[in-house]
Amino acid sequence: MLNPEPRAASDRSNEREPDVRDIIDYAERIGELARINGADWNLEIGVLAEIFAHSNPGRAPAVLFDQIKGYPAGMRIVSGLHNTCRRLAYSFGFEATDDPTVLVKAYRDRMKGGFKLIPPVAVTAGPLIENVDRDRTLLAGETRATLQVEEDPIGRVQAYSFGYERDLPIGPSFLNVGLGIQATAYGVPSQLKSVYGSHPAAFTFFLHLRPTGNIAAHMQMMHQH
């Protein structure tokens, strides 16, 4: 986690870490924000977001959707907020740049400099710890209620697999190529036959590639080339 202490104010960043609204405002100030009103959340927003993102990779504008179909105005969705180096640099508080190399160097310099981790705090209670599997109990409000449910097993599912593989005289000398088939027959209890049928089975065709001889030597030879 990043150092929680606020950054000093400068001409290139906020006094605090920018949130989504700050980045939206910044994108609009530099002419990198597209606004779309009235789009359908189910049929249009995802498609439009992909069209904008792929129209100019690395330089595509952020897209702000408002007045979304079925929702009141002001419940907005933003897409592609960090799709350019300039917007990403602003989010990190770096100098404005369109060069990804400059951005990566600035990030590395920060990590090597005054970057500090927030020390962890051990706790004995919390919402996450309260998520516990409970047998035959139900949380009814703040109290537990016992469920009258029997959890007896209904039977076993059995599987029997048979396979055949044949090596093919193709491929490089350091690689064996095999073509095979595998059949699996299942035995299911009567309670499941209405779902899976009386005699469920599966068939798989596969191509098996496996190195021959000393694998390490082959890998070394491949890297040399």
Foldseek 3Di string as FASTA:
>chain_A
DWDQQFDPDDPQAHSHQDDPVNLQVVLVVVVQEAEDEAAEPPPGPVVVLVCQCPVDQQRGGKYKYANYPPDHGPPIDIHPSPRHQQSVCHNVRHDGDRDVVVVVVVVVVVVPPDTDDDDDDDDDDDPVVPPDDDPQWDCDPPDIDGHPDDDDDQDDKDKDKDKDKDWDPDDDPFKIKIKMKMKMWMCDGPVCCVPQNHIHMDMDIDIDIDTDDDPVVVVVVVVVD
